[in-house]
Amino acid sequence: MMQHDPQSKSRTALMLAVWGLLSLVVFAFVYGQGLANLISGEGLTRGQVYNDLLSSTSLRLFWVLVWAGGMALVFHGKIRLFSRKALFTALPAGIFSLIAASLLMWIGRVSGPEAWLRGATGVFGVLAVLAAAYLHGRVITHWFFRNTFARGIEAFVFSMALGLGSLSFLSLGLAFLGQYTPASLLMIMGATALGGLVWLLASRIRIGAHNQLDESLEISLREPTNGLWWGILFTVGMISLVGALAPESEYDALWYHLWLPAQWLQSGHPVDILEEYISLYPMNWSLLYGAAMTVGNVISAKLIHWAALLLCALSLAAFTRRFFPQAPALLAAAVFVATPTVLWESTTAYNDLGLTFYLFLAIYALERYMESDQRKWLLLTGLMVGLAMAIKHLALFGLLLLAIILFLQRLGKKEWKRGLVEAGVLGIIGLVLALPYYARSALASGNPFFPEMFGIFGATPPQRWDWVTESGLNAFKARFGFGRSLPALMGLPWLLTTRAYRFGGFLGCAYLLLLPWGVLDWRDARWWRWAGFALAYLALWASPISSFQLRFLVPLTPLLAVLAAAGYERLQATLRAAVPRLRPLTLPLLMTLLLWISLPPFTALADGPGYGGWLTHVVRQAPIAVVSGGESEQDYLSRVLSSYPAWNYINQNTPVDAYILTFSGGDHLYSQRRRLRSDSTLARPATWQAQTESQALQWLRQAGITHILADQKIIKAEDQTTIPLILQERFLQIFGRLEYQDRYYAVYRLAGDQP
C-alpha cells in the first residue's frame, strides 16, 4: 500500500518529476525533429505525412471509415468475446465493413473486379486453413488435453496453436514422402476438415463450446479508458488488414517465406538450392503458407500472418487477466499491436509473428505449470517452444531461458534435482519437434543451424558457403546497432527507442516509459521472473551470436506489453495518490497520444536525420488504392518493387529454360525462370572474383547463364574499377545484347564469342 508520510510523498513527487522529464526528453528525441519539420515545412516530413494521410480519395475515405467504425463500436456498449452476444456485435460490424468495402471498391473501380477476386480468394484460403487447423486442434485437445484449459480464450488459442502445428507437420510428412503437391494438400486438408467436423458432431462436442467460458473477455467500451484502448486496437486492425490484403512486396517474404514453399509444391519434396542458403531454414510456418496458397492465393498466406497478430493479442490479454489481474488487459493488447514493427509484420508474409505466438504460449504454459503443477502444462510448454524452434533458430533462446527459469523455480523450493529433470524433459520435447529441420540441415551442409554457427560447424560443399560469404553476411549484420562496447550495450533501451533507424525497426516509446514503473511491485515474484526473462533475452539478442536487427526482438514484445501494462497500473496509482485532483482521463489520454503518434499516417515524424535516418520495417501508408481497385496489381508492384517490371519482361520474353544471373534480390516469387544470385558463393567466380573478361565469360557459359539482370546503380557507378567485370561497359558492349532497361534494371542476353 502507498505510504503517505512526508518523506514518502517527497520520494513519490521526485519519481514523478523525473519520469515527466524523461518523457519529455524521449518525446523530443524521437519526434522533435519531425514535428519541427512538419510545422516549418522543411525537409520531407510534411510531404510524407500529407501523402500518407490525404494523397487520394480512397485514402481519405479510408481514414474516415476507420474512425467512424471505431466510434460506432465504442458506442455499441459491451463486447464479450467468445459469447453468443459477440455475434450481435460482429453482425453489424460485418455489415458496416461490407458497406465500407463496397464504397471503396466503387471509388476505385479502375481495377475493382481484379481487387474483389484477389481479396475474396485470399479470405477464402485463410478461412479454410484456419478452420482446418481449429478442428484439428480441437480433436487433439479432446484426446490429450481434456479438462486442461480454462474455458475461453485460453482454450481457443492453444487449440489453434496445436492445430496449426499439426497441419505444418502433416505438410512436412507429405514432403518427406515426396507427396507435397497441391492435389495432396487439398485432399489432406479436406479430409482433415471433414473428419474433424464429423467427429465433433458425432461426439456431441459443440463447435461453439467456447461460448460458455468463465474466462470470456468482457470489455465495456462505454468505460472511457477501454474506449481509448479499443480505438487503438480497431485502428491498427484496419491498417494491418488493408496491408495484408495488398499484393506482397517485402524482401524476405518474396525471397523465401513464400518462394520456398512454392518450390516445394512444384517439386513435391523438400528442395535444397545450393546457391540459396535460406533453403535449409526451418519451414514450419512457411508450410502453412504453402497450404494457404494452394487453397487460395498469396493474400491467403499474408492473412495467415495477420491472423497470428490477433492470436498473439488474444493470448497476451488472457495472460494479463490471469496473472496480472490489476493491469489493464486491453491496454497490454493495444501496446503490443501498436508497436510499429509488429504492425508492419502483420501486413506481410514473414514468420516472426508465428514465432512470437508460439514462444509466448510457451511462456503462458510454463506459468500455468508453475501455478498448477499439472504435468500436461510442462508437455505443452515443450510443444509450444518446439513448434517455435521449427519456425526459426531464434527460438533456441526461448528454450534455454525457459529451462533456466523452471530450474531456478525448483531450486528456490530446494527441489533442484526435480528442476534438472523437468528442464531436461522440456529441452527434449522441444528439440524432438525441431529435429526434422535441424537434421535435414546437418545432413545437407554438415551444420544443423546453417548458416549460423559456421565458425563451429562449417558448411559443405564449399560452393554453398565459405569464409568470404560469411564475412559478407557479417558485414550486413554489422550495419545494425551501435556495436558491442559497454556503453552501447548499457544504453540499448535508450538507443532502441531514440535511434531506432539504426536497428531496422521501431518499438515506439511506450516500453521505455512504462516498464520501469513495474519495479514498484518489488514483492511480485512473477513480475521479476518475466522481467528477468526479458533482460536475459535482450542480452542474448545483443550478443555476437545474434544480430542487432529489431525484428528479432518481436518475439519478446507480447511479454514486454504485459509488463508495460503492469507498469502503467502502478504509474496510474502513484499519480492518483500524489495528485488527487488530477482528472482520471489525463494519463489514459496521454498514453493514447503516445501510441497513436507511432501509427500511420504519422510514421514519418519518427524518422531520423537525412536518408540515413529513414525508419525501415514500419508501415507508412495503408495501401488502400490497390486493395480497393483504384490501382491495378501490376501498377502497384511496378511502383513499390523496383525489379518487378524487369522480371515481368523476363517471364514473358525469354525461353522457359533461360538461366538468369541476377543482381537483384527479394523478388524471387515473381521470377519464373531459373536464377542465380550474384552475391552467392557459387556465382562469385564470374562476379566479384573474376580477374579477366575471358575468365568471367568462360564461367558464365559453363554454368549455362543466358541472361544478366543488371542493377543500373552498379552499371552507372563513377568508378568502374569497383564494379564486377561483367557489368563494366566494355564487357556488356562485346558480350551482351541489351533487351530491356528502365531506370532501375537492365536485361542483357549473353552473346558473342570469346576474343
Foldseek 3Di string as FASTA:
>chain_A
DQDDPPVSLVVLVVVVVVLVVVVVVLCCLQQVVLVVCCVVVPDCNVVLQCCQQPVDPLNVLLVVLLVVLLVVLLVVWKAWPLAPVNVVSVVVSVVSVVVSLVVLLVVQVQFSVVLVQLLVLLVQLLVLLQLLLLLQLVVCCVVPPPPNFAQALRSRLNSSLNSLQVLLVVLQVQQVVLANALVVLVVVSVCSNVVSVVVCVVVVPDPSPSNPGPLTDMDTSPPPLSSLLSSLVSSLLSLLLLLLSADAFDFVQQFDLALQLVVCNVRSHQDDDLLDQCSLFQRSLSVSCNSSCSSGRNSNLLQNLLVLLVSLLSLLLSVCCVQVVLFHSSQLSSLLSLFFLNSLRSSHNDCLSVLLSLLVVLVVLLVVCVVPVDVVSLLSNLVSLLSSCSRGVLSVLSLVLSLVLQQVVCVVVVNNVVSVVSSVVSVVSSCVSNVVSLVVQCVQFVGSRPPFPCVPRNTDDVLRDDVVLVVVVVVVLVQAADDDDPVRLVCVVSCCASQVLRQQGHRFDLLVSQLVQLCVVVVSPVLVSVVVSLVSSSVVCSDPSHGSHCSSCSSVSSVSSSSSSSSVSSVLVSCCVSPVPDDSCPVSVVVSVRSVCCAPCNVSSSFDPDPSRGHHSGDNHSPSSCSSNNDPSLRVNVVSHVCLVVQVCCVVPPDQAAEEAECDGSNNNSHNHHYRYCSGSNNCCQWVVPDDLVSNVVSCVVVRHFKYKDFVCLLPDPDVVNGTPCSYPVNCVAFWDWDDDDPTITMTTGHHDDD
